[in-house]
PDB file of all heavy atoms in Angstrom:
ATOM      1  N   ARG A   1      47.760  49.653 -76.237  1.00  0.00           N
ATOM      2  CA  ARG A   1      47.757  50.366 -74.971  1.00  0.00           C
ATOM      3  C   ARG A   1      47.594  51.882 -75.160  1.00  0.00           C
ATOM      4  O   ARG A   1      47.257  52.601 -74.243  1.00  0.00           O
ATOM      5  CB  ARG A   1      49.026  50.087 -74.188  1.00  0.00           C
ATOM      6  CG  ARG A   1      49.167  48.636 -73.749  1.00  0.00           C
ATOM      7  CD  ARG A   1      50.516  48.407 -73.029  1.00  0.00           C
ATOM      8  NE  ARG A   1      50.656  47.024 -72.673  1.00  0.00           N
ATOM      9  CZ  ARG A   1      50.200  46.452 -71.564  1.00  0.00           C
ATOM     10  NH1 ARG A   1      49.546  47.243 -70.695  1.00  0.00           N
ATOM     11  NH2 ARG A   1      50.369  45.185 -71.312  1.00  0.00           N
ATOM     12  N   THR A   2      47.903  52.344 -76.366  1.00  0.00           N
ATOM     13  CA  THR A   2      47.822  53.788 -76.655  1.00  0.00           C
ATOM     14  C   THR A   2      46.378  54.251 -76.818  1.00  0.00           C
ATOM     15  O   THR A   2      46.107  55.444 -76.900  1.00  0.00           O
ATOM     16  CB  THR A   2      48.593  54.072 -77.939  1.00  0.00           C
ATOM     17  OG1 THR A   2      48.190  53.205 -78.993  1.00  0.00           O
ATOM     18  CG2 THR A   2      50.106  53.925 -77.741  1.00  0.00           C
ATOM     19  N   SER A   3      45.425  53.312 -76.891  1.00  0.00           N
ATOM     20  CA  SER A   3      44.016  53.684 -77.068  1.00  0.00           C
ATOM     21  C   SER A   3      43.466  54.408 -75.848  1.00  0.00           C
ATOM     22  O   SER A   3      43.757  54.019 -74.710  1.00  0.00           O
ATOM     23  CB  SER A   3      43.162  52.427 -77.379  1.00  0.00           C
ATOM     24  OG  SER A   3      41.805  52.739 -77.410  1.00  0.00           O
ATOM     25  N   ALA A   4      42.671  55.421 -76.091  1.00  0.00           N
ATOM     26  CA  ALA A   4      41.974  56.098 -74.990  1.00  0.00           C
ATOM     27  C   ALA A   4      40.983  55.138 -74.292  1.00  0.00           C
ATOM     28  O   ALA A   4      40.588  55.389 -73.156  1.00  0.00           O
ATOM     29  CB  ALA A   4      41.241  57.358 -75.509  1.00  0.00           C
ATOM     30  N   TYR A   5      40.599  54.086 -74.994  1.00  0.00           N
ATOM     31  CA  TYR A   5      39.655  53.146 -74.423  1.00  0.00           C
ATOM     32  C   TYR A   5      40.359  51.868 -73.915  1.00  0.00           C
ATOM     33  O   TYR A   5      39.746  50.789 -73.913  1.00  0.00           O
ATOM     34  CB  TYR A   5      38.597  52.758 -75.464  1.00  0.00           C
ATOM     35  CG  TYR A   5      37.760  53.953 -75.945  1.00  0.00           C
ATOM     36  CD1 TYR A   5      37.454  54.118 -77.275  1.00  0.00           C
ATOM     37  CD2 TYR A   5      37.307  54.929 -75.043  1.00  0.00           C
ATOM     38  CE1 TYR A   5      36.709  55.189 -77.695  1.00  0.00           C
ATOM     39  CE2 TYR A   5      36.545  55.988 -75.439  1.00  0.00           C
ATOM     40  CZ  TYR A   5      36.262  56.137 -76.791  1.00  0.00           C
ATOM     41  OH  TYR A   5      35.497  57.191 -77.201  1.00  0.00           O
ATOM     42  N   TRP A   6      41.614  52.010 -73.536  1.00  0.00           N
ATOM     43  CA  TRP A   6      42.344  50.888 -72.987  1.00  0.00           C
ATOM     44  C   TRP A   6      41.951  50.668 -71.488  1.00  0.00           C
ATOM     45  O   TRP A   6      41.974  49.548 -71.011  1.00  0.00           O
ATOM     46  CB  TRP A   6      43.845  51.124 -73.111  1.00  0.00           C
ATOM     47  CG  TRP A   6      44.691  49.939 -72.700  1.00  0.00           C
ATOM     48  CD1 TRP A   6      45.402  49.800 -71.550  1.00  0.00           C
ATOM     49  CD2 TRP A   6      44.871  48.767 -73.442  1.00  0.00           C
ATOM     50  NE1 TRP A   6      46.006  48.587 -71.522  1.00  0.00           N
ATOM     51  CE2 TRP A   6      45.716  47.938 -72.707  1.00  0.00           C
ATOM     52  CE3 TRP A   6      44.422  48.319 -74.693  1.00  0.00           C
ATOM     53  CZ2 TRP A   6      46.128  46.657 -73.132  1.00  0.00           C
ATOM     54  CZ3 TRP A   6      44.852  47.072 -75.133  1.00  0.00           C
ATOM     55  CH2 TRP A   6      45.671  46.250 -74.368  1.00  0.00           C
ATOM     56  N   TYR A   7      41.650  51.795 -70.842  1.00  0.00           N
ATOM     57  CA  TYR A   7      41.304  51.775 -69.431  1.00  0.00           C
ATOM     58  C   TYR A   7      42.378  51.086 -68.605  1.00  0.00           C
ATOM     59  O   TYR A   7      43.536  51.452 -68.714  1.00  0.00           O
ATOM     60  CB  TYR A   7      39.916  51.120 -69.235  1.00  0.00           C
ATOM     61  CG  TYR A   7      38.806  51.861 -69.979  1.00  0.00           C
ATOM     62  CD1 TYR A   7      38.141  51.319 -70.997  1.00  0.00           C
ATOM     63  CD2 TYR A   7      38.493  53.179 -69.591  1.00  0.00           C
ATOM     64  CE1 TYR A   7      37.148  51.996 -71.691  1.00  0.00           C
ATOM     65  CE2 TYR A   7      37.499  53.859 -70.262  1.00  0.00           C
ATOM     66  CZ  TYR A   7      36.846  53.272 -71.332  1.00  0.00           C
ATOM     67  OH  TYR A   7      35.856  53.968 -71.992  1.00  0.00           O
ATOM     68  N   ARG A   8      42.073  50.053 -67.802  1.00  0.00           N
ATOM     69  CA  ARG A   8      43.067  49.406 -66.985  1.00  0.00           C
ATOM     70  C   ARG A   8      43.317  48.002 -67.492  1.00  0.00           C
ATOM     71  O   ARG A   8      42.455  47.139 -67.353  1.00  0.00           O
ATOM     72  CB  ARG A   8      42.597  49.330 -65.523  1.00  0.00           C
ATOM     73  CG  ARG A   8      43.627  48.754 -64.547  1.00  0.00           C
ATOM     74  CD  ARG A   8      43.161  48.836 -63.119  1.00  0.00           C
ATOM     75  NE  ARG A   8      42.860  50.209 -62.730  1.00  0.00           N
ATOM     76  CZ  ARG A   8      42.275  50.536 -61.570  1.00  0.00           C
ATOM     77  NH1 ARG A   8      41.874  49.600 -60.735  1.00  0.00           N
ATOM     78  NH2 ARG A   8      42.090  51.804 -61.263  1.00  0.00           N
ATOM     79  N   GLY A   9      44.473  47.834 -68.108  1.00  0.00           N
ATOM     80  CA  GLY A   9      44.814  46.514 -68.649  1.00  0.00           C
ATOM     81  C   GLY A   9      43.969  46.130 -69.861  1.00  0.00           C
ATOM     82  O   GLY A   9      43.880  44.944 -70.222  1.00  0.00           O
ATOM     83  N   GLY A  10      43.312  47.127 -70.450  1.00  0.00           N
ATOM     84  CA  GLY A  10      42.451  46.808 -71.590  1.00  0.00           C
ATOM     85  C   GLY A  10      41.006  46.549 -71.222  1.00  0.00           C
ATOM     86  O   GLY A  10      40.178  46.264 -72.070  1.00  0.00           O
ATOM     87  N   PHE A  11      40.683  46.652 -69.875  1.00  0.00           N
ATOM     88  CA  PHE A  11      39.359  46.320 -69.405  1.00  0.00           C
ATOM     89  C   PHE A  11      38.748  47.515 -68.705  1.00  0.00           C
ATOM     90  O   PHE A  11      39.416  48.224 -67.912  1.00  0.00           O
ATOM     91  CB  PHE A  11      39.395  45.165 -68.424  1.00  0.00           C
ATOM     92  CG  PHE A  11      39.854  43.868 -68.998  1.00  0.00           C
ATOM     93  CD1 PHE A  11      41.228  43.579 -69.068  1.00  0.00           C
ATOM     94  CD2 PHE A  11      38.948  42.951 -69.514  1.00  0.00           C
ATOM     95  CE1 PHE A  11      41.646  42.360 -69.620  1.00  0.00           C
ATOM     96  CE2 PHE A  11      39.357  41.742 -70.047  1.00  0.00           C
ATOM     97  CZ  PHE A  11      40.741  41.452 -70.080  1.00  0.00           C
ATOM     98  N   ALA A  12      37.475  47.770 -68.968  1.00  0.00           N
ATOM     99  CA  ALA A  12      36.660  48.678 -68.134  1.00  0.00           C
ATOM    100  C   ALA A  12      35.970  47.793 -67.098  1.00  0.00           C
ATOM    101  O   ALA A  12      34.927  47.180 -67.389  1.00  0.00           O
ATOM    102  CB  ALA A  12      35.640  49.439 -68.993  1.00  0.00           C
ATOM    103  N   TRP A  13      36.589  47.648 -65.935  1.00  0.00           N
ATOM    104  CA  TRP A  13      36.202  46.624 -64.978  1.00  0.00           C
ATOM    105  C   TRP A  13      34.766  46.839 -64.489  1.00  0.00           C
ATOM    106  O   TRP A  13      34.055  45.863 -64.176  1.00  0.00           O
ATOM    107  CB  TRP A  13      37.185  46.578 -63.801  1.00  0.00           C
ATOM    108  CG  TRP A  13      38.506  46.031 -64.264  1.00  0.00           C
ATOM    109  CD1 TRP A  13      39.652  46.738 -64.476  1.00  0.00           C
ATOM    110  CD2 TRP A  13      38.799  44.688 -64.586  1.00  0.00           C
ATOM    111  NE1 TRP A  13      40.674  45.921 -64.936  1.00  0.00           N
ATOM    112  CE2 TRP A  13      40.152  44.643 -64.987  1.00  0.00           C
ATOM    113  CE3 TRP A  13      38.056  43.494 -64.587  1.00  0.00           C
ATOM    114  CZ2 TRP A  13      40.788  43.460 -65.372  1.00  0.00           C
ATOM    115  CZ3 TRP A  13      38.685  42.303 -64.958  1.00  0.00           C
ATOM    116  CH2 TRP A  13      40.058  42.313 -65.367  1.00  0.00           C
ATOM    117  N   GLN A  14      34.309  48.092 -64.372  1.00  0.00           N
ATOM    118  CA  GLN A  14      32.932  48.306 -63.932  1.00  0.00           C
ATOM    119  C   GLN A  14      31.949  47.712 -64.922  1.00  0.00           C
ATOM    120  O   GLN A  14      30.969  47.079 -64.529  1.00  0.00           O
ATOM    121  CB  GLN A  14      32.681  49.807 -63.721  1.00  0.00           C
ATOM    122  CG  GLN A  14      33.401  50.413 -62.548  1.00  0.00           C
ATOM    123  CD  GLN A  14      34.872  50.664 -62.789  1.00  0.00           C
ATOM    124  OE1 GLN A  14      35.385  50.324 -63.833  1.00  0.00           O
ATOM    125  NE2 GLN A  14      35.557  51.317 -61.822  1.00  0.00           N
ATOM    126  N   ALA A  15      32.176  47.966 -66.195  1.00  0.00           N
ATOM    127  CA  ALA A  15      31.301  47.425 -67.230  1.00  0.00           C
ATOM    128  C   ALA A  15      31.350  45.907 -67.245  1.00  0.00           C
ATOM    129  O   ALA A  15      30.308  45.235 -67.368  1.00  0.00           O
ATOM    130  CB  ALA A  15      31.698  47.981 -68.600  1.00  0.00           C
ATOM    131  N   MET A  16      32.556  45.356 -67.127  1.00  0.00           N
ATOM    132  CA  MET A  16      32.694  43.898 -67.120  1.00  0.00           C
ATOM    133  C   MET A  16      32.003  43.277 -65.912  1.00  0.00           C
ATOM    134  O   MET A  16      31.354  42.220 -66.059  1.00  0.00           O
ATOM    135  CB  MET A  16      34.188  43.531 -67.106  1.00  0.00           C
ATOM    136  CG  MET A  16      34.929  43.927 -68.349  1.00  0.00           C
ATOM    137  SD  MET A  16      34.320  43.094 -69.829  1.00  0.00           S
ATOM    138  CE  MET A  16      34.648  41.384 -69.382  1.00  0.00           C
ATOM    139  N   THR A  17      32.101  43.913 -64.765  1.00  0.00           N
ATOM    140  CA  THR A  17      31.468  43.381 -63.565  1.00  0.00           C
ATOM    141  C   THR A  17      29.960  43.380 -63.689  1.00  0.00           C
ATOM    142  O   THR A  17      29.285  42.376 -63.398  1.00  0.00           O
ATOM    143  CB  THR A  17      31.872  44.180 -62.321  1.00  0.00           C
ATOM    144  OG1 THR A  17      33.285  44.153 -62.166  1.00  0.00           O
ATOM    145  CG2 THR A  17      31.193  43.704 -61.083  1.00  0.00           C
ATOM    146  N   ALA A  18      29.391  44.508 -64.147  1.00  0.00           N
ATOM    147  CA  ALA A  18      27.924  44.594 -64.306  1.00  0.00           C
ATOM    148  C   ALA A  18      27.430  43.585 -65.349  1.00  0.00           C
ATOM    149  O   ALA A  18      26.429  42.936 -65.129  1.00  0.00           O
ATOM    150  CB  ALA A  18      27.594  46.012 -64.743  1.00  0.00           C
ATOM    151  N   TRP A  19      28.197  43.429 -66.436  1.00  0.00           N
ATOM    152  CA  TRP A  19      27.790  42.515 -67.495  1.00  0.00           C
ATOM    153  C   TRP A  19      27.822  41.066 -66.973  1.00  0.00           C
ATOM    154  O   TRP A  19      26.853  40.301 -67.194  1.00  0.00           O
ATOM    155  CB  TRP A  19      28.753  42.677 -68.685  1.00  0.00           C
ATOM    156  CG  TRP A  19      28.542  41.667 -69.760  1.00  0.00           C
ATOM    157  CD1 TRP A  19      27.566  41.669 -70.718  1.00  0.00           C
ATOM    158  CD2 TRP A  19      29.328  40.498 -70.008  1.00  0.00           C
ATOM    159  NE1 TRP A  19      27.698  40.567 -71.545  1.00  0.00           N
ATOM    160  CE2 TRP A  19      28.762  39.819 -71.137  1.00  0.00           C
ATOM    161  CE3 TRP A  19      30.466  39.930 -69.388  1.00  0.00           C
ATOM    162  CZ2 TRP A  19      29.316  38.658 -71.642  1.00  0.00           C
ATOM    163  CZ3 TRP A  19      31.019  38.787 -69.907  1.00  0.00           C
ATOM    164  CH2 TRP A  19      30.443  38.139 -71.021  1.00  0.00           C
ATOM    165  N   GLY A  20      28.904  40.680 -66.324  1.00  0.00           N
ATOM    166  CA  GLY A  20      29.033  39.299 -65.821  1.00  0.00           C
ATOM    167  C   GLY A  20      28.027  38.911 -64.796  1.00  0.00           C
ATOM    168  O   GLY A  20      27.418  37.820 -64.853  1.00  0.00           O
ATOM    169  N   ILE A  21      27.818  39.789 -63.802  1.00  0.00           N
ATOM    170  CA  ILE A  21      26.818  39.496 -62.736  1.00  0.00           C
ATOM    171  C   ILE A  21      25.416  39.408 -63.321  1.00  0.00           C
ATOM    172  O   ILE A  21      24.656  38.522 -62.983  1.00  0.00           O
ATOM    173  CB  ILE A  21      26.906  40.566 -61.648  1.00  0.00           C
ATOM    174  CG1 ILE A  21      28.240  40.452 -60.915  1.00  0.00           C
ATOM    175  CG2 ILE A  21      25.726  40.412 -60.660  1.00  0.00           C
ATOM    176  CD1 ILE A  21      28.472  41.521 -59.829  1.00  0.00           C
ATOM    177  N   ALA A  22      25.089  40.345 -64.221  1.00  0.00           N
ATOM    178  CA  ALA A  22      23.756  40.336 -64.801  1.00  0.00           C
ATOM    179  C   ALA A  22      23.488  39.066 -65.619  1.00  0.00           C
ATOM    180  O   ALA A  22      22.403  38.506 -65.621  1.00  0.00           O
ATOM    181  CB  ALA A  22      23.588  41.574 -65.712  1.00  0.00           C
ATOM    182  N   LEU A  23      24.540  38.601 -66.308  1.00  0.00           N
ATOM    183  CA  LEU A  23      24.421  37.401 -67.105  1.00  0.00           C
ATOM    184  C   LEU A  23      24.105  36.174 -66.210  1.00  0.00           C
ATOM    185  O   LEU A  23      23.220  35.357 -66.538  1.00  0.00           O
ATOM    186  CB  LEU A  23      25.699  37.157 -67.859  1.00  0.00           C
ATOM    187  CG  LEU A  23      25.685  36.225 -69.090  1.00  0.00           C
ATOM    188  CD1 LEU A  23      24.716  36.710 -70.131  1.00  0.00           C
ATOM    189  CD2 LEU A  23      27.079  36.090 -69.671  1.00  0.00           C
ATOM    190  N   VAL A  24      24.800  36.114 -65.094  1.00  0.00           N
ATOM    191  CA  VAL A  24      24.580  35.010 -64.141  1.00  0.00           C
ATOM    192  C   VAL A  24      23.152  35.078 -63.533  1.00  0.00           C
ATOM    193  O   VAL A  24      22.413  34.101 -63.460  1.00  0.00           O
ATOM    194  CB  VAL A  24      25.603  35.011 -63.026  1.00  0.00           C
ATOM    195  CG1 VAL A  24      25.257  33.996 -61.946  1.00  0.00           C
ATOM    196  CG2 VAL A  24      27.005  34.732 -63.590  1.00  0.00           C
ATOM    197  N   VAL A  25      22.766  36.310 -63.163  1.00  0.00           N
ATOM    198  CA  VAL A  25      21.440  36.502 -62.574  1.00  0.00           C
ATOM    199  C   VAL A  25      20.334  36.091 -63.596  1.00  0.00           C
ATOM    200  O   VAL A  25      19.359  35.441 -63.244  1.00  0.00           O
ATOM    201  CB  VAL A  25      21.221  37.957 -62.125  1.00  0.00           C
ATOM    202  CG1 VAL A  25      19.740  38.216 -61.788  1.00  0.00           C
ATOM    203  CG2 VAL A  25      22.130  38.288 -60.940  1.00  0.00           C
ATOM    204  N   GLY A  26      20.498  36.508 -64.816  1.00  0.00           N
ATOM    205  CA  GLY A  26      19.522  36.147 -65.850  1.00  0.00           C
ATOM    206  C   GLY A  26      19.367  34.652 -66.014  1.00  0.00           C
ATOM    207  O   GLY A  26      18.263  34.134 -66.157  1.00  0.00           O
ATOM    208  N   MET A  27      20.474  33.924 -65.989  1.00  0.00           N
ATOM    209  CA  MET A  27      20.410  32.485 -66.124  1.00  0.00           C
ATOM    210  C   MET A  27      19.748  31.831 -64.931  1.00  0.00           C
ATOM    211  O   MET A  27      19.127  30.775 -65.049  1.00  0.00           O
ATOM    212  CB  MET A  27      21.835  31.898 -66.288  1.00  0.00           C
ATOM    213  CG  MET A  27      22.506  32.311 -67.586  1.00  0.00           C
ATOM    214  SD  MET A  27      21.570  31.793 -69.073  1.00  0.00           S
ATOM    215  CE  MET A  27      21.679  30.038 -68.948  1.00  0.00           C
ATOM    216  N   LEU A  28      19.856  32.413 -63.756  1.00  0.00           N
ATOM    217  CA  LEU A  28      19.215  31.881 -62.560  1.00  0.00           C
ATOM    218  C   LEU A  28      17.700  31.817 -62.724  1.00  0.00           C
ATOM    219  O   LEU A  28      17.005  30.943 -62.163  1.00  0.00           O
ATOM    220  CB  LEU A  28      19.570  32.698 -61.327  1.00  0.00           C
ATOM    221  CG  LEU A  28      21.032  32.678 -60.862  1.00  0.00           C
ATOM    222  CD1 LEU A  28      21.177  33.597 -59.654  1.00  0.00           C
ATOM    223  CD2 LEU A  28      21.491  31.281 -60.552  1.00  0.00           C
ATOM    224  N   PHE A  29      17.133  32.792 -63.487  1.00  0.00           N
ATOM    225  CA  PHE A  29      15.683  32.874 -63.687  1.00  0.00           C
ATOM    226  C   PHE A  29      15.203  32.166 -64.935  1.00  0.00           C
ATOM    227  O   PHE A  29      13.999  32.189 -65.232  1.00  0.00           O
ATOM    228  CB  PHE A  29      15.269  34.376 -63.765  1.00  0.00           C
ATOM    229  CG  PHE A  29      15.357  35.098 -62.466  1.00  0.00           C
ATOM    230  CD1 PHE A  29      16.348  36.038 -62.249  1.00  0.00           C
ATOM    231  CD2 PHE A  29      14.444  34.904 -61.453  1.00  0.00           C
ATOM    232  CE1 PHE A  29      16.468  36.733 -61.076  1.00  0.00           C
ATOM    233  CE2 PHE A  29      14.524  35.583 -60.269  1.00  0.00           C
ATOM    234  CZ  PHE A  29      15.519  36.511 -60.072  1.00  0.00           C
ATOM    235  N   THR A  30      16.106  31.533 -65.653  1.00  0.00           N
ATOM    236  CA  THR A  30      15.775  31.009 -66.973  1.00  0.00           C
ATOM    237  C   THR A  30      15.519  29.517 -66.943  1.00  0.00           C
ATOM    238  O   THR A  30      16.198  28.741 -66.253  1.00  0.00           O
ATOM    239  CB  THR A  30      16.934  31.318 -67.962  1.00  0.00           C
ATOM    240  OG1 THR A  30      17.088  32.731 -68.064  1.00  0.00           O
ATOM    241  CG2 THR A  30      16.638  30.734 -69.322  1.00  0.00           C
ATOM    242  N   LYS A  31      14.511  29.082 -67.730  1.00  0.00           N
ATOM    243  CA  LYS A  31      14.194  27.646 -67.847  1.00  0.00           C
ATOM    244  C   LYS A  31      13.965  27.335 -69.343  1.00  0.00           C
ATOM    245  O   LYS A  31      13.211  27.972 -70.011  1.00  0.00           O
ATOM    246  CB  LYS A  31      12.950  27.308 -67.082  1.00  0.00           C
ATOM    247  CG  LYS A  31      12.566  25.798 -67.159  1.00  0.00           C
ATOM    248  CD  LYS A  31      11.331  25.462 -66.369  1.00  0.00           C
ATOM    249  CE  LYS A  31      10.990  24.020 -66.471  1.00  0.00           C
ATOM    250  NZ  LYS A  31       9.753  23.681 -65.681  1.00  0.00           N
ATOM    251  N   VAL A  32      14.718  26.312 -69.835  1.00  0.00           N
ATOM    252  CA  VAL A  32      14.526  25.786 -71.164  1.00  0.00           C
ATOM    253  C   VAL A  32      14.368  24.285 -71.086  1.00  0.00           C
ATOM    254  O   VAL A  32      14.365  23.722 -69.987  1.00  0.00           O
ATOM    255  CB  VAL A  32      15.668  26.227 -72.107  1.00  0.00           C
ATOM    256  CG1 VAL A  32      15.719  27.720 -72.283  1.00  0.00           C
ATOM    257  CG2 VAL A  32      17.014  25.731 -71.552  1.00  0.00           C
ATOM    258  N   ASP A  33      14.298  23.648 -72.231  1.00  0.00           N
ATOM    259  CA  ASP A  33      14.084  22.175 -72.232  1.00  0.00           C
ATOM    260  C   ASP A  33      15.154  21.394 -71.514  1.00  0.00           C
ATOM    261  O   ASP A  33      14.883  20.413 -70.805  1.00  0.00           O
ATOM    262  CB  ASP A  33      14.048  21.685 -73.693  1.00  0.00           C
ATOM    263  CG  ASP A  33      12.719  22.027 -74.389  1.00  0.00           C
ATOM    264  OD1 ASP A  33      11.781  22.485 -73.656  1.00  0.00           O
ATOM    265  OD2 ASP A  33      12.637  21.889 -75.612  1.00  0.00           O
ATOM    266  N   TRP A  34      16.395  21.834 -71.588  1.00  0.00           N
ATOM    267  CA  TRP A  34      17.498  21.070 -71.016  1.00  0.00           C
ATOM    268  C   TRP A  34      18.229  21.801 -69.858  1.00  0.00           C
ATOM    269  O   TRP A  34      19.237  21.310 -69.360  1.00  0.00           O
ATOM    270  CB  TRP A  34      18.530  20.766 -72.082  1.00  0.00           C
ATOM    271  CG  TRP A  34      18.913  21.954 -72.938  1.00  0.00           C
ATOM    272  CD1 TRP A  34      18.308  22.354 -74.063  1.00  0.00           C
ATOM    273  CD2 TRP A  34      19.976  22.884 -72.672  1.00  0.00           C
ATOM    274  NE1 TRP A  34      18.916  23.493 -74.569  1.00  0.00           N
ATOM    275  CE2 TRP A  34      19.935  23.839 -73.715  1.00  0.00           C
ATOM    276  CE3 TRP A  34      20.944  22.995 -71.660  1.00  0.00           C
ATOM    277  CZ2 TRP A  34      20.831  24.884 -73.766  1.00  0.00           C
ATOM    278  CZ3 TRP A  34      21.822  24.062 -71.726  1.00  0.00           C
ATOM    279  CH2 TRP A  34      21.775  24.986 -72.772  1.00  0.00           C
ATOM    280  N   PHE A  35      17.662  22.932 -69.406  1.00  0.00           N
ATOM    281  CA  PHE A  35      18.316  23.684 -68.297  1.00  0.00           C
ATOM    282  C   PHE A  35      17.254  24.433 -67.516  1.00  0.00           C
ATOM    283  O   PHE A  35      16.341  24.997 -68.129  1.00  0.00           O
ATOM    284  CB  PHE A  35      19.326  24.679 -68.876  1.00  0.00           C
ATOM    285  CG  PHE A  35      19.855  25.630 -67.866  1.00  0.00           C
ATOM    286  CD1 PHE A  35      20.854  25.252 -66.984  1.00  0.00           C
ATOM    287  CD2 PHE A  35      19.345  26.898 -67.767  1.00  0.00           C
ATOM    288  CE1 PHE A  35      21.348  26.172 -66.015  1.00  0.00           C
ATOM    289  CE2 PHE A  35      19.811  27.801 -66.820  1.00  0.00           C
ATOM    290  CZ  PHE A  35      20.844  27.437 -65.945  1.00  0.00           C
ATOM    291  N   SER A  36      17.392  24.430 -66.203  1.00  0.00           N
ATOM    292  CA  SER A  36      16.458  25.176 -65.374  1.00  0.00           C
ATOM    293  C   SER A  36      17.271  25.815 -64.229  1.00  0.00           C
ATOM    294  O   SER A  36      17.886  25.135 -63.410  1.00  0.00           O
ATOM    295  CB  SER A  36      15.378  24.237 -64.753  1.00  0.00           C
ATOM    296  OG  SER A  36      14.482  24.962 -63.959  1.00  0.00           O
ATOM    297  N   GLY A  37      17.233  27.175 -64.196  1.00  0.00           N
ATOM    298  CA  GLY A  37      17.907  27.876 -63.157  1.00  0.00           C
ATOM    299  C   GLY A  37      17.236  27.743 -61.831  1.00  0.00           C
ATOM    300  O   GLY A  37      16.017  27.459 -61.774  1.00  0.00           O
ATOM    301  N   PRO A  38      17.943  27.866 -60.692  1.00  0.00           N
ATOM    302  CA  PRO A  38      17.354  27.670 -59.362  1.00  0.00           C
ATOM    303  C   PRO A  38      16.209  28.640 -59.034  1.00  0.00           C
ATOM    304  O   PRO A  38      15.410  28.348 -58.141  1.00  0.00           O
ATOM    305  CB  PRO A  38      18.542  27.855 -58.418  1.00  0.00           C
ATOM    306  CG  PRO A  38      19.565  28.587 -59.216  1.00  0.00           C
ATOM    307  CD  PRO A  38      19.358  28.171 -60.615  1.00  0.00           C
TER     308      PRO A  38
END
């Protein structure tokens, strides 16, 4: 917790939000042999 990069509870929530949403969006557009996004 003493780290300057602890932010809130150990998370930089803005970065986490952008990363998570982008990951989901990318999978929506992706098609492979065993998976096809909508």
